[in-house]
C-alpha atoms as a PDB file:
ATOM      1  CA  MET A   1      30.612 -11.924  11.656  1.00  0.00           C
ATOM      2  CA  ARG A   2      28.256 -10.757   8.943  1.00  0.00           C
ATOM      3  CA  PHE A   3      24.570 -11.548   8.689  1.00  0.00           C
ATOM      4  CA  GLY A   4      22.381 -10.638   5.740  1.00  0.00           C
ATOM      5  CA  ASP A   5      19.209 -11.891   4.179  1.00  0.00           C
ATOM      6  CA  ASN A   6      18.103 -15.529   3.696  1.00  0.00           C
ATOM      7  CA  SER A   7      21.594 -16.606   2.653  1.00  0.00           C
ATOM      8  CA  ALA A   8      23.240 -15.274   5.820  1.00  0.00           C
ATOM      9  CA  LYS A   9      26.634 -16.792   6.468  1.00  0.00           C
ATOM     10  CA  VAL A  10      29.128 -16.164   9.206  1.00  0.00           C
ATOM     11  CA  VAL A  11      32.350 -14.706   7.797  1.00  0.00           C
ATOM     12  CA  LEU A  12      35.337 -15.105  10.101  1.00  0.00           C
ATOM     13  CA  GLN A  13      38.581 -13.188   9.763  1.00  0.00           C
ATOM     14  CA  PRO A  14      41.901 -14.734  10.937  1.00  0.00           C
ATOM     15  CA  ASN A  15      42.341 -12.099  13.675  1.00  0.00           C
ATOM     16  CA  ASP A  16      38.841 -12.670  15.113  1.00  0.00           C
ATOM     17  CA  TYR A  17      39.911 -15.590  17.324  1.00  0.00           C
ATOM     18  CA  GLU A  18      42.909 -17.420  18.770  1.00  0.00           C
ATOM     19  CA  VAL A  19      44.337 -20.150  16.526  1.00  0.00           C
ATOM     20  CA  SER A  20      43.866 -22.687  19.329  1.00  0.00           C
ATOM     21  CA  ASP A  21      40.108 -21.928  19.278  1.00  0.00           C
ATOM     22  CA  GLN A  22      39.664 -22.495  15.539  1.00  0.00           C
ATOM     23  CA  ASN A  23      37.648 -25.731  15.857  1.00  0.00           C
ATOM     24  CA  LEU A  24      35.385 -24.306  18.559  1.00  0.00           C
ATOM     25  CA  VAL A  25      34.821 -21.101  16.610  1.00  0.00           C
ATOM     26  CA  SER A  26      34.032 -23.029  13.408  1.00  0.00           C
ATOM     27  CA  LEU A  27      31.488 -25.213  15.230  1.00  0.00           C
ATOM     28  CA  ALA A  28      29.837 -22.173  16.827  1.00  0.00           C
ATOM     29  CA  ALA A  29      29.721 -20.352  13.473  1.00  0.00           C
ATOM     30  CA  SER A  30      28.136 -23.390  11.834  1.00  0.00           C
ATOM     31  CA  ALA A  31      25.488 -23.595  14.577  1.00  0.00           C
ATOM     32  CA  LEU A  32      24.708 -19.880  14.183  1.00  0.00           C
ATOM     33  CA  ASP A  33      24.369 -20.279  10.413  1.00  0.00           C
ATOM     34  CA  GLN A  34      21.685 -22.913  10.981  1.00  0.00           C
ATOM     35  CA  MET A  35      19.734 -20.588  13.301  1.00  0.00           C
ATOM     36  CA  ALA A  36      19.674 -17.598  10.958  1.00  0.00           C
ATOM     37  CA  GLY A  37      16.954 -17.066   8.391  1.00  0.00           C
ATOM     38  CA  ASN A  38      13.286 -16.312   8.046  1.00  0.00           C
ATOM     39  CA  PHE A  39      10.651 -18.090  10.079  1.00  0.00           C
ATOM     40  CA  SER A  40       6.986 -18.248   9.228  1.00  0.00           C
ATOM     41  CA  SER A  41       4.430 -16.523  11.428  1.00  0.00           C
ATOM     42  CA  ARG A  42       0.705 -16.975  11.596  1.00  0.00           C
ATOM     43  CA  LEU A  43      -2.024 -15.102  13.415  1.00  0.00           C
ATOM     44  CA  LEU A  44      -5.561 -16.424  13.223  1.00  0.00           C
ATOM     45  CA  GLY A  45      -8.342 -14.406  14.763  1.00  0.00           C
ATOM     46  CA  ASN A  46     -12.089 -14.296  15.143  1.00  0.00           C
ATOM     47  CA  THR A  47     -14.275 -11.529  16.420  1.00  0.00           C
ATOM     48  CA  GLY A  48     -18.003 -11.183  16.868  1.00  0.00           C
ATOM     49  CA  PHE A  49     -20.537  -8.596  17.944  1.00  0.00           C
ATOM     50  CA  VAL A  50     -24.257  -9.024  18.633  1.00  0.00           C
ATOM     51  CA  LYS A  51     -26.646  -6.330  19.851  1.00  0.00           C
ATOM     52  CA  THR A  52     -30.364  -6.434  20.309  1.00  0.00           C
ATOM     53  CA  ASP A  53     -32.896  -3.941  21.616  1.00  0.00           C
ATOM     54  CA  LEU A  54     -36.104  -5.211  23.203  1.00  0.00           C
ATOM     55  CA  VAL A  55     -39.137  -3.380  24.547  1.00  0.00           C
ATOM     56  CA  PRO A  56     -40.771  -5.617  27.185  1.00  0.00           C
ATOM     57  CA  SER A  57     -43.186  -2.768  27.998  1.00  0.00           C
ATOM     58  CA  PRO A  58     -43.611   0.794  26.678  1.00  0.00           C
ATOM     59  CA  ARG A  59     -41.764   2.216  29.704  1.00  0.00           C
ATOM     60  CA  GLU A  60     -38.915  -0.323  29.850  1.00  0.00           C
ATOM     61  CA  PRO A  61     -36.532  -0.527  26.887  1.00  0.00           C
ATOM     62  CA  LEU A  62     -33.883  -3.241  27.255  1.00  0.00           C
ATOM     63  CA  SER A  63     -30.597  -3.391  25.343  1.00  0.00           C
ATOM     64  CA  VAL A  64     -28.191  -6.351  25.317  1.00  0.00           C
ATOM     65  CA  ARG A  65     -24.844  -6.646  23.523  1.00  0.00           C
ATOM     66  CA  VAL A  66     -22.073  -9.266  23.451  1.00  0.00           C
ATOM     67  CA  ASN A  67     -18.543  -8.875  22.044  1.00  0.00           C
ATOM     68  CA  THR A  68     -16.113 -11.748  21.525  1.00  0.00           C
ATOM     69  CA  SER A  69     -12.547 -11.800  20.299  1.00  0.00           C
ATOM     70  CA  SER A  70      -9.970 -14.544  20.062  1.00  0.00           C
ATOM     71  CA  TYR A  71      -6.680 -15.071  18.301  1.00  0.00           C
ATOM     72  CA  SER A  72      -3.757 -17.424  18.357  1.00  0.00           C
ATOM     73  CA  GLY A  73      -0.988 -18.478  16.050  1.00  0.00           C
ATOM     74  CA  LEU A  74       2.511 -19.666  15.387  1.00  0.00           C
ATOM     75  CA  ASN A  75       5.454 -17.370  16.230  1.00  0.00           C
ATOM     76  CA  ASN A  76       2.991 -14.544  16.836  1.00  0.00           C
ATOM     77  CA  VAL A  77       4.604 -12.736  19.776  1.00  0.00           C
ATOM     78  CA  TYR A  78       6.510 -10.460  17.386  1.00  0.00           C
ATOM     79  CA  PHE A  79       3.974 -10.743  14.567  1.00  0.00           C
ATOM     80  CA  ASP A  80       3.914  -8.056  11.888  1.00  0.00           C
ATOM     81  CA  PRO A  81       0.488  -7.997  10.179  1.00  0.00           C
ATOM     82  CA  ALA A  82       2.141  -6.739   6.982  1.00  0.00           C
ATOM     83  CA  SER A  83       4.227  -9.908   6.550  1.00  0.00           C
ATOM     84  CA  PRO A  84       3.805 -13.592   7.393  1.00  0.00           C
ATOM     85  CA  ILE A  85       7.586 -13.849   7.827  1.00  0.00           C
ATOM     86  CA  THR A  86       9.450 -12.976  11.004  1.00  0.00           C
ATOM     87  CA  HIS A  87      13.189 -12.671  11.537  1.00  0.00           C
ATOM     88  CA  TYR A  88      12.941 -13.744  15.175  1.00  0.00           C
ATOM     89  CA  ALA A  89      14.351 -17.218  15.700  1.00  0.00           C
ATOM     90  CA  LEU A  90      12.197 -19.940  17.208  1.00  0.00           C
ATOM     91  CA  SER A  91      14.143 -19.685  20.451  1.00  0.00           C
ATOM     92  CA  GLU A  92      13.190 -16.018  20.944  1.00  0.00           C
ATOM     93  CA  ASN A  93       9.582 -16.161  19.833  1.00  0.00           C
ATOM     94  CA  GLY A  94       6.502 -17.885  21.136  1.00  0.00           C
ATOM     95  CA  GLU A  95       2.777 -18.293  20.914  1.00  0.00           C
ATOM     96  CA  GLU A  96       0.034 -16.245  22.479  1.00  0.00           C
ATOM     97  CA  ASP A  97      -3.589 -17.259  22.857  1.00  0.00           C
ATOM     98  CA  VAL A  98      -6.099 -14.527  23.637  1.00  0.00           C
ATOM     99  CA  ASN A  99      -9.803 -15.007  24.334  1.00  0.00           C
ATOM    100  CA  ALA A 100     -11.982 -12.110  25.421  1.00  0.00           C
ATOM    101  CA  VAL A 101     -15.730 -11.853  25.992  1.00  0.00           C
ATOM    102  CA  SER A 102     -17.755  -8.931  27.254  1.00  0.00           C
ATOM    103  CA  ALA A 103     -21.504  -8.580  27.687  1.00  0.00           C
ATOM    104  CA  VAL A 104     -23.585  -5.551  28.668  1.00  0.00           C
ATOM    105  CA  ALA A 105     -27.276  -5.366  29.517  1.00  0.00           C
ATOM    106  CA  SER A 106     -29.043  -2.045  30.017  1.00  0.00           C
ATOM    107  CA  LEU A 107     -32.617  -1.529  31.264  1.00  0.00           C
ATOM    108  CA  THR A 108     -34.319   1.842  31.647  1.00  0.00           C
ATOM    109  CA  SER A 109     -37.500   1.914  33.692  1.00  0.00           C
ATOM    110  CA  GLY A 110     -39.840   4.887  33.703  1.00  0.00           C
ATOM    111  CA  PHE A 111     -41.900   4.844  36.892  1.00  0.00           C
ATOM    112  CA  SER A 112     -43.417   8.278  36.320  1.00  0.00           C
ATOM    113  CA  ARG A 113     -42.594  11.476  34.411  1.00  0.00           C
ATOM    114  CA  GLN A 114     -40.280  12.543  37.229  1.00  0.00           C
ATOM    115  CA  VAL A 115     -38.787   9.189  38.301  1.00  0.00           C
ATOM    116  CA  THR A 116     -36.720   6.890  36.119  1.00  0.00           C
ATOM    117  CA  ASN A 117     -34.180   4.213  36.829  1.00  0.00           C
ATOM    118  CA  HIS A 118     -31.320   3.061  34.648  1.00  0.00           C
ATOM    119  CA  LEU A 119     -29.764  -0.323  35.384  1.00  0.00           C
ATOM    120  CA  ARG A 120     -26.595  -1.404  33.603  1.00  0.00           C
ATOM    121  CA  VAL A 121     -24.822  -4.732  34.137  1.00  0.00           C
ATOM    122  CA  GLN A 122     -21.505  -5.652  32.561  1.00  0.00           C
ATOM    123  CA  PHE A 123     -19.483  -8.847  32.453  1.00  0.00           C
ATOM    124  CA  SER A 124     -15.960  -9.104  31.009  1.00  0.00           C
ATOM    125  CA  HIS A 125     -13.618 -12.037  30.754  1.00  0.00           C
ATOM    126  CA  ASP A 126     -10.114 -11.793  29.270  1.00  0.00           C
ATOM    127  CA  LEU A 127      -7.955 -14.910  29.226  1.00  0.00           C
ATOM    128  CA  GLN A 128      -4.436 -14.563  27.806  1.00  0.00           C
ATOM    129  CA  SER A 129      -1.639 -17.082  27.826  1.00  0.00           C
ATOM    130  CA  SER A 130       1.843 -17.002  26.363  1.00  0.00           C
ATOM    131  CA  SER A 131       4.299 -19.818  25.907  1.00  0.00           C
ATOM    132  CA  PRO A 132       7.793 -19.942  24.445  1.00  0.00           C
ATOM    133  CA  ASN A 133       8.452 -22.016  21.338  1.00  0.00           C
ATOM    134  CA  ALA A 134      11.491 -23.653  22.853  1.00  0.00           C
ATOM    135  CA  SER A 135      12.714 -24.782  26.240  1.00  0.00           C
ATOM    136  CA  PHE A 136      16.347 -24.058  25.386  1.00  0.00           C
ATOM    137  CA  PRO A 137      17.956 -20.645  26.073  1.00  0.00           C
ATOM    138  CA  ARG A 138      16.958 -17.643  24.017  1.00  0.00           C
ATOM    139  CA  THR A 139      19.277 -17.038  21.067  1.00  0.00           C
ATOM    140  CA  GLN A 140      19.404 -13.773  19.184  1.00  0.00           C
ATOM    141  CA  VAL A 141      21.528 -13.363  16.080  1.00  0.00           C
END
């Protein structure tokens, strides 16, 4: 068999199979020809960052920041950012959805020249899910 670019075709030689299997081999080759090719990929993402510094009193600066990130797409498990085309067939690719949020708050309290307190609180949430594109068996050509 020979596979190339977009016009990939299966080339069978007479000694590649038993004569009695010719119909079965031809059907399998035809099915493989239909699976070969380029498949579009898409990755859509959003990210955000917010930071603010507050001074509730001269001895207590407060800092708060929030980061968010999310992306999802079509056939993006093996996504190459340099190209919207993937050579992975639908049966061996899938979709991933990623959503992440983190927040940090930091408060420094100066009780005296010798005594200070630094309080830092962080929250992170990372939700990732993956699903295959197809329920039929994985096929790799």
